[in-house]
Structure formats: structure tokens, C-alpha cells
Amino acid sequence: MNRRAIPILAAASVFAAALPSFADNMQTSDEFRTSKIVGTKVYNDANEKIGSVEDIVLKPDGAMDEVVLSVGGFLGIGSKYVAVPFSDLKISRDGNDLRIATNGTKESLKALPDYQFYNESGSTAVTGSSTGMSGTTTVPSTGGSKY
């Protein structure tokens, strides 16, 4: 290698290090969009509907922390929010639709403690229930989504 090539290579490596890293630009068949997961029904091993995905909680590094499920109730009345680790869900494709399953039963999920959403307005946490009685979910008005 000649002496002129060394400074050029050094400058190229500094320039490359200054560029942001980029993710790939195409979804593959083994990747799932969170916008399609939220709202999807969740089934148990007996193929019974036991709830639906309410939300997905991420850690600051972007890793999935937990999935919040809405379980119990009928037509959305009397349901409660519970959290399960993302690894407890089995997600697959059923044609163009997603299929989400878990080993949990409706009873075992309903027995979990209510999930508490962080309330950004500074008041008490939003509870994980939609019963219409004590513990009713109150969604704060924050003047628009921060997400």
C-alpha cells in the first residue's frame, strides 16, 4: 500500500463511523408489525379466544418488555388489562392475518394483577380495568399522543 492510500483509508473510516446505522429496508416473513399485533385476538391451546392485545410496552433500548392483554369480560365490558412477557406469546401467520396464542387460560390470566399504565399527566396511574365500577380506566387528555 502506498503512502497516499493510507490517509484516504483513514478519512474513509472516520467518515463511515460518523454515519448513523440503518436498519434493513424490508420486512421479512418472520417479522411482525406492532400495528398489526395490537388489537389481535389471543387464543389458548384449546383454540378458545381468551382476550386481545391491548398494547406493547418497550424498554428505552427498544427491546419489548411486556405485552398488555385485555382479558375477561364480554364485548369489552368487565375486561381487565394484564401483562405477559412477549416470549409467552406464539405469533404466526394464518394467511394474511396474524394468529397469537399463549399457554395461559382465561382464568389464569384474569388472576394476574391489573396492569398499571404510566400516566404522563402526573396524576395517579391509569388502572387496568374497564369494569365501569371502581378501578375504571381513565385515559388522561394529554393534548395529543407523544408517540
Protein backbone atom coordinates (compact mmCIF):
# COMPACT_ATOMS: atom_id res chain seq x y z
CA MET A 1 0.00 0.00 0.00
CA ASN A 2 1.41 3.39 -0.89
CA ARG A 3 1.61 6.41 1.40
CA ARG A 4 -1.21 8.27 -0.37
CA ALA A 5 -3.69 5.44 0.21
CA ILE A 6 -3.26 5.42 4.00
CA PRO A 7 -4.71 8.93 4.64
CA ILE A 8 -7.57 8.23 2.22
CA LEU A 9 -8.45 4.98 4.02
CA ALA A 10 -8.21 6.72 7.41
CA ALA A 11 -10.52 9.53 6.23
CA ALA A 12 -12.98 7.00 4.77
CA SER A 13 -13.14 5.07 8.05
CA VAL A 14 -13.74 8.29 10.06
CA PHE A 15 -16.48 9.32 7.63
CA ALA A 16 -18.10 5.87 7.80
CA ALA A 17 -18.01 5.94 11.60
CA ALA A 18 -19.87 9.28 11.59
CA LEU A 19 -22.79 7.88 9.56
CA PRO A 20 -25.83 6.67 11.50
CA SER A 21 -26.54 2.97 11.41
CA PHE A 22 -29.53 1.98 9.32
CA ALA A 23 -31.95 -0.90 9.71
CA ASP A 24 -32.72 -3.10 6.77
CA ASN A 25 -35.34 -1.67 4.44
CA MET A 26 -37.69 -4.62 4.04
CA GLN A 27 -39.92 -6.67 6.34
CA THR A 28 -39.33 -10.40 6.14
CA SER A 29 -41.86 -13.19 6.66
CA ASP A 30 -40.59 -13.86 10.19
CA GLU A 31 -41.02 -10.23 11.35
CA PHE A 32 -44.27 -8.77 12.69
CA ARG A 33 -45.56 -5.18 12.73
CA THR A 34 -46.68 -3.94 16.14
CA SER A 35 -49.53 -2.04 14.48
CA LYS A 36 -50.91 -5.39 13.34
CA ILE A 37 -50.32 -7.13 16.69
CA VAL A 38 -52.24 -4.57 18.80
CA GLY A 39 -55.94 -5.43 18.67
CA THR A 40 -55.34 -9.02 17.55
CA LYS A 41 -57.28 -11.71 19.40
CA VAL A 42 -55.32 -14.10 21.62
CA TYR A 43 -56.21 -17.78 21.83
CA ASN A 44 -55.25 -20.56 24.23
CA ASP A 45 -54.07 -24.06 23.33
CA ALA A 46 -57.70 -25.23 23.15
CA ASN A 47 -58.34 -22.61 20.42
CA GLU A 48 -60.59 -20.55 22.73
CA LYS A 49 -60.44 -16.76 22.49
CA ILE A 50 -59.10 -15.53 25.83
CA GLY A 51 -58.52 -11.86 25.10
CA SER A 52 -56.77 -9.46 22.78
CA VAL A 53 -53.55 -7.48 22.64
CA GLU A 54 -54.16 -4.03 24.14
CA ASP A 55 -50.63 -2.61 23.90
CA ILE A 56 -46.93 -3.40 23.70
CA VAL A 57 -44.50 -1.85 26.19
CA LEU A 58 -40.92 -1.16 25.10
CA LYS A 59 -37.81 -0.57 27.18
CA PRO A 60 -35.65 2.51 26.46
CA ASP A 61 -33.28 0.38 24.36
CA GLY A 62 -36.18 -0.70 22.12
CA ALA A 63 -36.47 -4.22 23.50
CA MET A 64 -40.00 -5.48 24.12
CA ASP A 65 -40.69 -5.53 27.83
CA GLU A 66 -44.22 -6.87 28.04
CA VAL A 67 -47.45 -7.23 26.14
CA VAL A 68 -50.62 -5.91 27.77
CA LEU A 69 -53.64 -8.12 27.15
CA SER A 70 -57.29 -7.30 27.67
CA VAL A 71 -58.87 -10.41 29.22
CA GLY A 72 -62.25 -11.40 30.59
CA GLY A 73 -65.42 -9.52 30.13
CA PHE A 74 -67.94 -9.61 27.34
CA LEU A 75 -67.93 -7.17 24.44
CA GLY A 76 -65.26 -5.15 26.25
CA ILE A 77 -67.29 -4.74 29.44
CA GLY A 78 -65.75 -6.13 32.60
CA SER A 79 -62.39 -6.85 31.00
CA LYS A 80 -59.08 -6.10 32.67
CA TYR A 81 -55.56 -5.43 31.49
CA VAL A 82 -52.76 -7.82 32.43
CA ALA A 83 -49.14 -8.03 31.31
CA VAL A 84 -47.34 -11.08 29.97
CA PRO A 85 -43.80 -11.37 28.65
CA PHE A 86 -43.64 -11.15 24.86
CA SER A 87 -41.84 -14.51 24.89
CA ASP A 88 -45.00 -16.14 26.31
CA LEU A 89 -46.86 -15.46 23.06
CA LYS A 90 -46.65 -17.57 19.92
CA ILE A 91 -47.25 -15.43 16.85
CA SER A 92 -47.77 -16.97 13.44
CA ARG A 93 -49.47 -16.13 10.19
CA ASP A 94 -52.85 -17.51 9.17
CA GLY A 95 -53.00 -16.39 5.56
CA ASN A 96 -52.90 -12.58 5.69
CA ASP A 97 -53.92 -12.48 9.37
CA LEU A 98 -51.83 -12.91 12.49
CA ARG A 99 -52.54 -15.73 14.89
CA ILE A 100 -51.50 -15.18 18.53
CA ALA A 101 -51.60 -18.00 21.08
CA THR A 102 -50.48 -18.48 24.67
CA ASN A 103 -50.35 -21.38 27.10
CA GLY A 104 -52.32 -19.34 29.64
CA THR A 105 -56.00 -19.86 30.28
CA LYS A 106 -58.58 -17.11 30.61
CA GLU A 107 -58.80 -17.88 34.34
CA SER A 108 -55.01 -17.82 34.88
CA LEU A 109 -54.71 -14.50 33.03
CA LYS A 110 -57.66 -12.96 34.90
CA ALA A 111 -55.94 -13.97 38.15
CA LEU A 112 -52.92 -11.78 37.30
CA PRO A 113 -52.77 -8.32 38.91
CA ASP A 114 -54.24 -5.38 36.98
CA TYR A 115 -51.66 -3.74 34.76
CA GLN A 116 -50.91 -0.11 35.66
CA PHE A 117 -50.15 2.18 32.71
CA TYR A 118 -47.84 5.11 33.40
CA ASN A 119 -49.85 8.32 33.41
CA GLU A 120 -47.79 11.15 31.92
CA SER A 121 -50.00 13.90 33.32
CA GLY A 122 -48.53 13.42 36.79
CA SER A 123 -51.71 12.20 38.47
CA THR A 124 -52.31 8.65 39.63
CA ALA A 125 -51.59 5.75 37.31
CA VAL A 126 -54.20 4.60 34.85
CA THR A 127 -55.66 1.36 36.17
CA GLY A 128 -56.04 -1.77 34.14
CA SER A 129 -59.77 -2.29 34.27
CA SER A 130 -62.76 -1.38 32.17
CA THR A 131 -65.48 -2.51 34.53
CA GLY A 132 -67.36 0.74 34.82
CA MET A 133 -67.12 0.44 38.63
CA SER A 134 -64.23 1.22 40.96
CA GLY A 135 -60.96 0.90 39.13
CA THR A 136 -62.41 2.31 35.94
CA THR A 137 -59.85 3.20 33.33
CA THR A 138 -59.48 6.92 32.88
CA VAL A 139 -57.44 7.91 29.88
CA PRO A 140 -55.81 11.28 30.50
CA SER A 141 -56.14 14.03 27.96
CA THR A 142 -52.57 14.96 27.12
CA GLY A 143 -53.34 17.18 24.17
CA GLY A 144 -52.24 14.56 21.67
CA SER A 145 -50.13 11.48 21.55
CA LYS A 146 -46.45 11.75 22.42
CA TYR A 147 -45.79 8.60 20.44
